[in-house]
Amino acid sequence: MSLITNQFFIGFGINFILISIFCKIPLMTKSGWISAGILGTILWGCLSWQGWMAVVIYLLFGSLVTKVGYKFKKEQGIAEKRGGRRGPENVWGSAASGLFLAMMAKFNSANVLLFKLGFAASFAAKLADTFGSEIGKRFGKDTYLITSFKKVERGTEGGISLEGTLASILGSIFMTFVMFSLSIISTKSQFITVSVSGFLATLSESIIGAKFQNKYKLSNELVNAIQTSIASVFAIFALILYSYF
């Protein structure tokens, strides 16, 4: 059996055991746990335990911050559905771009650094978005539409607050630190690139929400996939440009 096949079998076994143990914890729906298992198996096979651990940390902190002030957000009608539990649409909307890049890093050895950087940026962007949205909805004093800075209600698509924006920056930096600690990225310039790309993509997501989401009836999951893809493109192009100077 090849080393590649071994890695995928190891990933499947570890995910199966852990999900069997922890599936009663109300972080995900049943189908959400199944999707997480598939995602985790492929990530382990492509980026070994480091890539798997990075996404586990993202899912954990993303789920935890959703619980912050949940009662208040529910009363306001702006809380995540299902008590904040993630379903398969949340898993794949958040991770599809990163999963694609992890697979490219595994099977395209000539550009591993670029794909790992894009992978890191995609999850930095998603945690930045989750931090900003959930903290902003609970603690944001004033919410403004990003395209006009007109004051709007909490939870409005494209709405941003100072508190939520600061939380987005924190989320992007924290997730970048996770990627750095797990050696998915390895230099100061890569750290800065991933952090900035994650935050800029979150601002881009707010612009998409303000101008296009309701107009074209885009789902939150599709917007999430677009946002993480934008972060990856930002980071990859930044590294390419940097290599020329």
C-alpha atoms as a PDB file:
ATOM      1  CA  MET A   1       0.000   0.000   0.000  1.00  0.00           C
ATOM      2  CA  SER A   2       1.433   3.397  -0.998  1.00  0.00           C
ATOM      3  CA  LEU A   3       2.285   6.140   1.478  1.00  0.00           C
ATOM      4  CA  ILE A   4      -0.465   8.338   0.005  1.00  0.00           C
ATOM      5  CA  THR A   5      -3.098   5.633   0.520  1.00  0.00           C
ATOM      6  CA  ASN A   6      -1.811   5.032   4.047  1.00  0.00           C
ATOM      7  CA  GLN A   7      -2.306   8.692   4.948  1.00  0.00           C
ATOM      8  CA  PHE A   8      -5.913   8.658   3.787  1.00  0.00           C
ATOM      9  CA  PHE A   9      -6.629   5.450   5.718  1.00  0.00           C
ATOM     10  CA  ILE A  10      -5.055   6.936   8.852  1.00  0.00           C
ATOM     11  CA  GLY A  11      -7.146  10.073   8.397  1.00  0.00           C
ATOM     12  CA  PHE A  12     -10.321   8.058   8.002  1.00  0.00           C
ATOM     13  CA  GLY A  13      -9.605   5.997  11.103  1.00  0.00           C
ATOM     14  CA  ILE A  14      -8.812   8.979  13.313  1.00  0.00           C
ATOM     15  CA  ASN A  15     -11.825  10.964  12.137  1.00  0.00           C
ATOM     16  CA  PHE A  16     -14.147   7.982  12.547  1.00  0.00           C
ATOM     17  CA  ILE A  17     -12.999   7.364  16.119  1.00  0.00           C
ATOM     18  CA  LEU A  18     -13.072  11.002  17.205  1.00  0.00           C
ATOM     19  CA  ILE A  19     -16.444  11.776  15.629  1.00  0.00           C
ATOM     20  CA  SER A  20     -17.910   8.622  17.185  1.00  0.00           C
ATOM     21  CA  ILE A  21     -16.778   9.935  20.577  1.00  0.00           C
ATOM     22  CA  PHE A  22     -17.671  13.601  20.224  1.00  0.00           C
ATOM     23  CA  CYS A  23     -20.721  13.568  17.930  1.00  0.00           C
ATOM     24  CA  LYS A  24     -23.053  14.119  20.902  1.00  0.00           C
ATOM     25  CA  ILE A  25     -21.535  17.548  21.495  1.00  0.00           C
ATOM     26  CA  PRO A  26     -23.929  20.090  19.924  1.00  0.00           C
ATOM     27  CA  LEU A  27     -21.396  21.666  17.575  1.00  0.00           C
ATOM     28  CA  MET A  28     -22.837  20.130  14.406  1.00  0.00           C
ATOM     29  CA  THR A  29     -25.861  18.323  13.066  1.00  0.00           C
ATOM     30  CA  LYS A  30     -25.567  14.610  12.262  1.00  0.00           C
ATOM     31  CA  SER A  31     -25.020  15.314   8.571  1.00  0.00           C
ATOM     32  CA  GLY A  32     -22.611  18.080   9.560  1.00  0.00           C
ATOM     33  CA  TRP A  33     -20.478  15.564  11.475  1.00  0.00           C
ATOM     34  CA  ILE A  34     -20.479  13.243   8.453  1.00  0.00           C
ATOM     35  CA  SER A  35     -19.321  16.074   6.216  1.00  0.00           C
ATOM     36  CA  ALA A  36     -16.670  17.028   8.749  1.00  0.00           C
ATOM     37  CA  GLY A  37     -15.443  13.422   8.731  1.00  0.00           C
ATOM     38  CA  ILE A  38     -15.115  13.408   4.944  1.00  0.00           C
ATOM     39  CA  LEU A  39     -13.375  16.783   5.030  1.00  0.00           C
ATOM     40  CA  GLY A  40     -11.035  15.685   7.804  1.00  0.00           C
ATOM     41  CA  THR A  41     -10.102  12.450   6.020  1.00  0.00           C
ATOM     42  CA  ILE A  42      -9.148  14.248   2.819  1.00  0.00           C
ATOM     43  CA  LEU A  43      -7.255  16.971   4.683  1.00  0.00           C
ATOM     44  CA  TRP A  44      -5.225  14.420   6.633  1.00  0.00           C
ATOM     45  CA  GLY A  45      -4.414  12.618   3.406  1.00  0.00           C
ATOM     46  CA  CYS A  46      -3.341  15.833   1.686  1.00  0.00           C
ATOM     47  CA  LEU A  47      -1.693  17.938   4.415  1.00  0.00           C
ATOM     48  CA  SER A  48      -1.156  15.325   7.142  1.00  0.00           C
ATOM     49  CA  TRP A  49      -2.109  16.039  10.744  1.00  0.00           C
ATOM     50  CA  GLN A  50      -1.088  19.708  10.510  1.00  0.00           C
ATOM     51  CA  GLY A  51      -3.725  20.595   7.918  1.00  0.00           C
ATOM     52  CA  TRP A  52      -6.302  18.519   9.770  1.00  0.00           C
ATOM     53  CA  MET A  53      -5.499  20.160  13.108  1.00  0.00           C
ATOM     54  CA  ALA A  54      -5.691  23.660  11.615  1.00  0.00           C
ATOM     55  CA  VAL A  55      -9.243  23.050  10.403  1.00  0.00           C
ATOM     56  CA  VAL A  56     -10.267  21.372  13.671  1.00  0.00           C
ATOM     57  CA  ILE A  57      -9.121  24.526  15.507  1.00  0.00           C
ATOM     58  CA  TYR A  58     -11.030  26.681  13.026  1.00  0.00           C
ATOM     59  CA  LEU A  59     -14.224  24.641  13.496  1.00  0.00           C
ATOM     60  CA  LEU A  60     -13.850  24.714  17.280  1.00  0.00           C
ATOM     61  CA  PHE A  61     -13.303  28.447  17.605  1.00  0.00           C
ATOM     62  CA  GLY A  62     -15.851  29.249  14.913  1.00  0.00           C
ATOM     63  CA  SER A  63     -18.459  27.227  16.777  1.00  0.00           C
ATOM     64  CA  LEU A  64     -17.520  28.686  20.162  1.00  0.00           C
ATOM     65  CA  VAL A  65     -17.732  32.313  19.043  1.00  0.00           C
ATOM     66  CA  THR A  66     -21.156  31.592  17.559  1.00  0.00           C
ATOM     67  CA  LYS A  67     -22.312  30.751  21.097  1.00  0.00           C
ATOM     68  CA  VAL A  68     -21.161  34.134  22.448  1.00  0.00           C
ATOM     69  CA  GLY A  69     -24.261  36.119  23.380  1.00  0.00           C
ATOM     70  CA  TYR A  70     -26.447  33.566  21.621  1.00  0.00           C
ATOM     71  CA  LYS A  71     -29.489  34.304  23.779  1.00  0.00           C
ATOM     72  CA  PHE A  72     -29.308  38.002  22.919  1.00  0.00           C
ATOM     73  CA  LYS A  73     -28.840  37.319  19.210  1.00  0.00           C
ATOM     74  CA  LYS A  74     -31.748  34.878  19.230  1.00  0.00           C
ATOM     75  CA  GLU A  75     -34.006  37.484  20.843  1.00  0.00           C
ATOM     76  CA  GLN A  76     -32.985  39.929  18.119  1.00  0.00           C
ATOM     77  CA  GLY A  77     -33.704  37.359  15.407  1.00  0.00           C
ATOM     78  CA  ILE A  78     -30.129  37.417  14.109  1.00  0.00           C
ATOM     79  CA  ALA A  79     -28.711  34.221  15.643  1.00  0.00           C
ATOM     80  CA  GLU A  80     -27.431  31.278  13.633  1.00  0.00           C
ATOM     81  CA  LYS A  81     -30.105  28.653  13.085  1.00  0.00           C
ATOM     82  CA  ARG A  82     -30.142  25.281  14.893  1.00  0.00           C
ATOM     83  CA  GLY A  83     -28.660  26.783  18.036  1.00  0.00           C
ATOM     84  CA  GLY A  84     -25.451  27.549  16.191  1.00  0.00           C
ATOM     85  CA  ARG A  85     -24.826  23.939  15.158  1.00  0.00           C
ATOM     86  CA  ARG A  86     -23.068  23.589  11.809  1.00  0.00           C
ATOM     87  CA  GLY A  87     -24.662  21.583   9.009  1.00  0.00           C
ATOM     88  CA  PRO A  88     -23.070  20.189   5.833  1.00  0.00           C
ATOM     89  CA  GLU A  89     -23.760  23.410   3.955  1.00  0.00           C
ATOM     90  CA  ASN A  90     -21.744  25.317   6.544  1.00  0.00           C
ATOM     91  CA  VAL A  91     -18.880  22.827   6.411  1.00  0.00           C
ATOM     92  CA  TRP A  92     -18.540  22.867   2.633  1.00  0.00           C
ATOM     93  CA  GLY A  93     -19.285  26.568   2.213  1.00  0.00           C
ATOM     94  CA  SER A  94     -16.443  27.346   4.602  1.00  0.00           C
ATOM     95  CA  ALA A  95     -13.978  24.677   3.524  1.00  0.00           C
ATOM     96  CA  ALA A  96     -14.501  23.990  -0.195  1.00  0.00           C
ATOM     97  CA  SER A  97     -11.827  26.448  -1.345  1.00  0.00           C
ATOM     98  CA  GLY A  98      -9.358  25.314   1.284  1.00  0.00           C
ATOM     99  CA  LEU A  99      -9.981  21.650   0.487  1.00  0.00           C
ATOM    100  CA  PHE A 100      -9.348  22.240  -3.216  1.00  0.00           C
ATOM    101  CA  LEU A 101      -6.057  23.993  -2.414  1.00  0.00           C
ATOM    102  CA  ALA A 102      -5.020  21.217  -0.014  1.00  0.00           C
ATOM    103  CA  MET A 103      -5.573  18.681  -2.794  1.00  0.00           C
ATOM    104  CA  MET A 104      -3.579  20.824  -5.226  1.00  0.00           C
ATOM    105  CA  ALA A 105      -0.737  21.060  -2.690  1.00  0.00           C
ATOM    106  CA  LYS A 106      -0.722  17.260  -2.426  1.00  0.00           C
ATOM    107  CA  PHE A 107      -0.741  16.458  -6.114  1.00  0.00           C
ATOM    108  CA  ASN A 108       1.081  19.456  -7.628  1.00  0.00           C
ATOM    109  CA  SER A 109       4.490  19.438  -6.003  1.00  0.00           C
ATOM    110  CA  ALA A 110       5.805  22.284  -8.169  1.00  0.00           C
ATOM    111  CA  ASN A 111       3.590  24.860  -6.452  1.00  0.00           C
ATOM    112  CA  VAL A 112       3.164  23.505  -2.928  1.00  0.00           C
ATOM    113  CA  LEU A 113       4.079  26.813  -1.258  1.00  0.00           C
ATOM    114  CA  LEU A 114       1.490  28.772  -3.259  1.00  0.00           C
ATOM    115  CA  PHE A 115      -1.293  26.305  -2.536  1.00  0.00           C
ATOM    116  CA  LYS A 116      -0.462  26.081   1.176  1.00  0.00           C
ATOM    117  CA  LEU A 117      -0.483  29.862   1.392  1.00  0.00           C
ATOM    118  CA  GLY A 118      -3.883  29.957  -0.298  1.00  0.00           C
ATOM    119  CA  PHE A 119      -5.143  27.227   2.021  1.00  0.00           C
ATOM    120  CA  ALA A 120      -4.040  29.209   5.076  1.00  0.00           C
ATOM    121  CA  ALA A 121      -5.590  32.433   3.769  1.00  0.00           C
ATOM    122  CA  SER A 122      -8.937  30.784   3.054  1.00  0.00           C
ATOM    123  CA  PHE A 123      -9.373  29.729   6.672  1.00  0.00           C
ATOM    124  CA  ALA A 124      -7.968  32.986   8.038  1.00  0.00           C
ATOM    125  CA  ALA A 125     -10.689  34.742   6.040  1.00  0.00           C
ATOM    126  CA  LYS A 126     -13.432  32.447   7.266  1.00  0.00           C
ATOM    127  CA  LEU A 127     -12.527  32.749  10.933  1.00  0.00           C
ATOM    128  CA  ALA A 128     -12.204  36.515  10.481  1.00  0.00           C
ATOM    129  CA  ASP A 129     -15.702  36.573   9.006  1.00  0.00           C
ATOM    130  CA  THR A 130     -17.132  34.434  11.810  1.00  0.00           C
ATOM    131  CA  PHE A 131     -15.460  36.486  14.547  1.00  0.00           C
ATOM    132  CA  GLY A 132     -16.559  39.751  12.970  1.00  0.00           C
ATOM    133  CA  SER A 133     -20.135  38.652  12.368  1.00  0.00           C
ATOM    134  CA  GLU A 134     -20.784  37.015  15.708  1.00  0.00           C
ATOM    135  CA  ILE A 135     -18.992  39.581  17.877  1.00  0.00           C
ATOM    136  CA  GLY A 136     -20.403  42.461  15.854  1.00  0.00           C
ATOM    137  CA  LYS A 137     -23.979  41.214  16.156  1.00  0.00           C
ATOM    138  CA  ARG A 138     -23.641  40.921  19.910  1.00  0.00           C
ATOM    139  CA  PHE A 139     -21.394  43.812  20.927  1.00  0.00           C
ATOM    140  CA  GLY A 140     -21.491  46.223  17.981  1.00  0.00           C
ATOM    141  CA  LYS A 141     -22.926  49.527  19.190  1.00  0.00           C
ATOM    142  CA  ASP A 142     -23.526  50.970  15.737  1.00  0.00           C
ATOM    143  CA  THR A 143     -23.772  49.100  12.446  1.00  0.00           C
ATOM    144  CA  TYR A 144     -23.145  50.742   9.078  1.00  0.00           C
ATOM    145  CA  LEU A 145     -23.568  49.491   5.516  1.00  0.00           C
ATOM    146  CA  ILE A 146     -20.049  49.105   4.150  1.00  0.00           C
ATOM    147  CA  THR A 147     -20.897  50.580   0.735  1.00  0.00           C
ATOM    148  CA  SER A 148     -22.550  53.792   1.969  1.00  0.00           C
ATOM    149  CA  PHE A 149     -21.846  53.963   5.719  1.00  0.00           C
ATOM    150  CA  LYS A 150     -25.553  54.455   6.238  1.00  0.00           C
ATOM    151  CA  LYS A 151     -26.623  53.260   9.677  1.00  0.00           C
ATOM    152  CA  VAL A 152     -28.485  49.940   9.514  1.00  0.00           C
ATOM    153  CA  GLU A 153     -29.882  47.297  11.855  1.00  0.00           C
ATOM    154  CA  ARG A 154     -27.692  44.605  13.417  1.00  0.00           C
ATOM    155  CA  GLY A 155     -27.391  41.534  11.215  1.00  0.00           C
ATOM    156  CA  THR A 156     -27.979  43.433   7.954  1.00  0.00           C
ATOM    157  CA  GLU A 157     -26.089  41.858   5.054  1.00  0.00           C
ATOM    158  CA  GLY A 158     -23.069  44.043   4.381  1.00  0.00           C
ATOM    159  CA  GLY A 159     -23.325  45.753   7.747  1.00  0.00           C
ATOM    160  CA  ILE A 160     -20.141  46.362   9.722  1.00  0.00           C
ATOM    161  CA  SER A 161     -19.345  47.777  13.153  1.00  0.00           C
ATOM    162  CA  LEU A 162     -16.144  48.921  14.802  1.00  0.00           C
ATOM    163  CA  GLU A 163     -16.328  46.068  17.297  1.00  0.00           C
ATOM    164  CA  GLY A 164     -16.980  43.499  14.593  1.00  0.00           C
ATOM    165  CA  THR A 165     -14.185  44.863  12.398  1.00  0.00           C
ATOM    166  CA  LEU A 166     -11.681  44.633  15.247  1.00  0.00           C
ATOM    167  CA  ALA A 167     -12.882  41.085  15.924  1.00  0.00           C
ATOM    168  CA  SER A 168     -12.338  40.243  12.233  1.00  0.00           C
ATOM    169  CA  ILE A 169      -8.745  41.448  12.445  1.00  0.00           C
ATOM    170  CA  LEU A 170      -8.234  39.353  15.564  1.00  0.00           C
ATOM    171  CA  GLY A 171      -9.788  36.291  13.916  1.00  0.00           C
ATOM    172  CA  SER A 172      -7.558  36.578  10.857  1.00  0.00           C
ATOM    173  CA  ILE A 173      -4.402  37.041  12.925  1.00  0.00           C
ATOM    174  CA  PHE A 174      -5.317  34.184  15.253  1.00  0.00           C
ATOM    175  CA  MET A 175      -5.965  31.737  12.407  1.00  0.00           C
ATOM    176  CA  THR A 176      -2.756  32.830  10.702  1.00  0.00           C
ATOM    177  CA  PHE A 177      -0.897  32.163  13.944  1.00  0.00           C
ATOM    178  CA  VAL A 178      -2.386  28.656  13.997  1.00  0.00           C
ATOM    179  CA  MET A 179      -1.189  28.057  10.431  1.00  0.00           C
ATOM    180  CA  PHE A 180       2.256  29.401  11.338  1.00  0.00           C
ATOM    181  CA  SER A 181       2.484  27.277  14.485  1.00  0.00           C
ATOM    182  CA  LEU A 182       1.634  24.163  12.465  1.00  0.00           C
ATOM    183  CA  SER A 183       4.274  25.047   9.823  1.00  0.00           C
ATOM    184  CA  ILE A 184       1.740  25.351   7.013  1.00  0.00           C
ATOM    185  CA  ILE A 185       3.265  28.783   6.489  1.00  0.00           C
ATOM    186  CA  SER A 186       6.754  29.531   7.715  1.00  0.00           C
ATOM    187  CA  THR A 187       7.978  33.105   7.250  1.00  0.00           C
ATOM    188  CA  LYS A 188       7.126  36.563   8.539  1.00  0.00           C
ATOM    189  CA  SER A 189       6.155  37.760   5.058  1.00  0.00           C
ATOM    190  CA  GLN A 190       3.798  34.790   4.646  1.00  0.00           C
ATOM    191  CA  PHE A 191       2.278  35.529   8.054  1.00  0.00           C
ATOM    192  CA  ILE A 192       1.575  39.120   7.049  1.00  0.00           C
ATOM    193  CA  THR A 193       0.265  38.077   3.628  1.00  0.00           C
ATOM    194  CA  VAL A 194      -2.189  35.544   5.063  1.00  0.00           C
ATOM    195  CA  SER A 195      -3.400  37.874   7.838  1.00  0.00           C
ATOM    196  CA  VAL A 196      -3.990  40.800   5.494  1.00  0.00           C
ATOM    197  CA  SER A 197      -5.573  38.609   2.793  1.00  0.00           C
ATOM    198  CA  GLY A 198      -7.967  37.103   5.316  1.00  0.00           C
ATOM    199  CA  PHE A 199      -9.097  40.496   6.556  1.00  0.00           C
ATOM    200  CA  LEU A 200      -9.390  42.080   3.098  1.00  0.00           C
ATOM    201  CA  ALA A 201     -11.465  39.130   1.901  1.00  0.00           C
ATOM    202  CA  THR A 202     -13.790  39.672   4.859  1.00  0.00           C
ATOM    203  CA  LEU A 203     -14.308  43.277   3.806  1.00  0.00           C
ATOM    204  CA  SER A 204     -14.940  42.022   0.270  1.00  0.00           C
ATOM    205  CA  GLU A 205     -17.544  39.614   1.642  1.00  0.00           C
ATOM    206  CA  SER A 206     -19.341  42.535   3.286  1.00  0.00           C
ATOM    207  CA  ILE A 207     -19.383  44.404  -0.029  1.00  0.00           C
ATOM    208  CA  ILE A 208     -20.814  41.325  -1.770  1.00  0.00           C
ATOM    209  CA  GLY A 209     -23.420  41.060   0.975  1.00  0.00           C
ATOM    210  CA  ALA A 210     -24.391  44.707   0.648  1.00  0.00           C
ATOM    211  CA  LYS A 211     -24.576  44.907  -3.145  1.00  0.00           C
ATOM    212  CA  PHE A 212     -25.304  41.440  -4.512  1.00  0.00           C
ATOM    213  CA  GLN A 213     -26.533  38.909  -1.953  1.00  0.00           C
ATOM    214  CA  ASN A 214     -30.171  39.933  -1.756  1.00  0.00           C
ATOM    215  CA  LYS A 215     -30.283  41.181  -5.351  1.00  0.00           C
ATOM    216  CA  TYR A 216     -29.192  37.818  -6.775  1.00  0.00           C
ATOM    217  CA  LYS A 217     -30.490  35.687  -3.882  1.00  0.00           C
ATOM    218  CA  LEU A 218     -27.041  34.323  -3.081  1.00  0.00           C
ATOM    219  CA  SER A 219     -26.923  31.866  -0.187  1.00  0.00           C
ATOM    220  CA  ASN A 220     -24.646  32.538   2.765  1.00  0.00           C
ATOM    221  CA  GLU A 221     -22.731  29.368   1.924  1.00  0.00           C
ATOM    222  CA  LEU A 222     -22.038  30.523  -1.640  1.00  0.00           C
ATOM    223  CA  VAL A 223     -20.903  33.914  -0.373  1.00  0.00           C
ATOM    224  CA  ASN A 224     -18.615  32.137   2.114  1.00  0.00           C
ATOM    225  CA  ALA A 225     -17.078  30.092  -0.699  1.00  0.00           C
ATOM    226  CA  ILE A 226     -16.539  33.253  -2.745  1.00  0.00           C
ATOM    227  CA  GLN A 227     -14.971  35.012   0.234  1.00  0.00           C
ATOM    228  CA  THR A 228     -12.498  32.222   0.990  1.00  0.00           C
ATOM    229  CA  SER A 229     -11.607  32.006  -2.699  1.00  0.00           C
ATOM    230  CA  ILE A 230     -10.916  35.746  -2.774  1.00  0.00           C
ATOM    231  CA  ALA A 231      -8.596  35.394   0.227  1.00  0.00           C
ATOM    232  CA  SER A 232      -6.697  32.589  -1.483  1.00  0.00           C
ATOM    233  CA  VAL A 233      -6.315  34.575  -4.690  1.00  0.00           C
ATOM    234  CA  PHE A 234      -5.136  37.643  -2.765  1.00  0.00           C
ATOM    235  CA  ALA A 235      -2.499  35.618  -0.913  1.00  0.00           C
ATOM    236  CA  ILE A 236      -1.256  33.684  -3.939  1.00  0.00           C
ATOM    237  CA  PHE A 237      -0.935  36.759  -6.132  1.00  0.00           C
ATOM    238  CA  ALA A 238       0.769  38.685  -3.331  1.00  0.00           C
ATOM    239  CA  LEU A 239       3.394  35.935  -3.047  1.00  0.00           C
ATOM    240  CA  ILE A 240       3.886  35.850  -6.819  1.00  0.00           C
ATOM    241  CA  LEU A 241       4.337  39.631  -6.924  1.00  0.00           C
ATOM    242  CA  TYR A 242       6.680  39.506  -3.927  1.00  0.00           C
ATOM    243  CA  SER A 243       8.883  36.972  -5.714  1.00  0.00           C
ATOM    244  CA  TYR A 244       9.503  39.471  -8.504  1.00  0.00           C
ATOM    245  CA  PHE A 245      10.830  42.206  -6.186  1.00  0.00           C
END
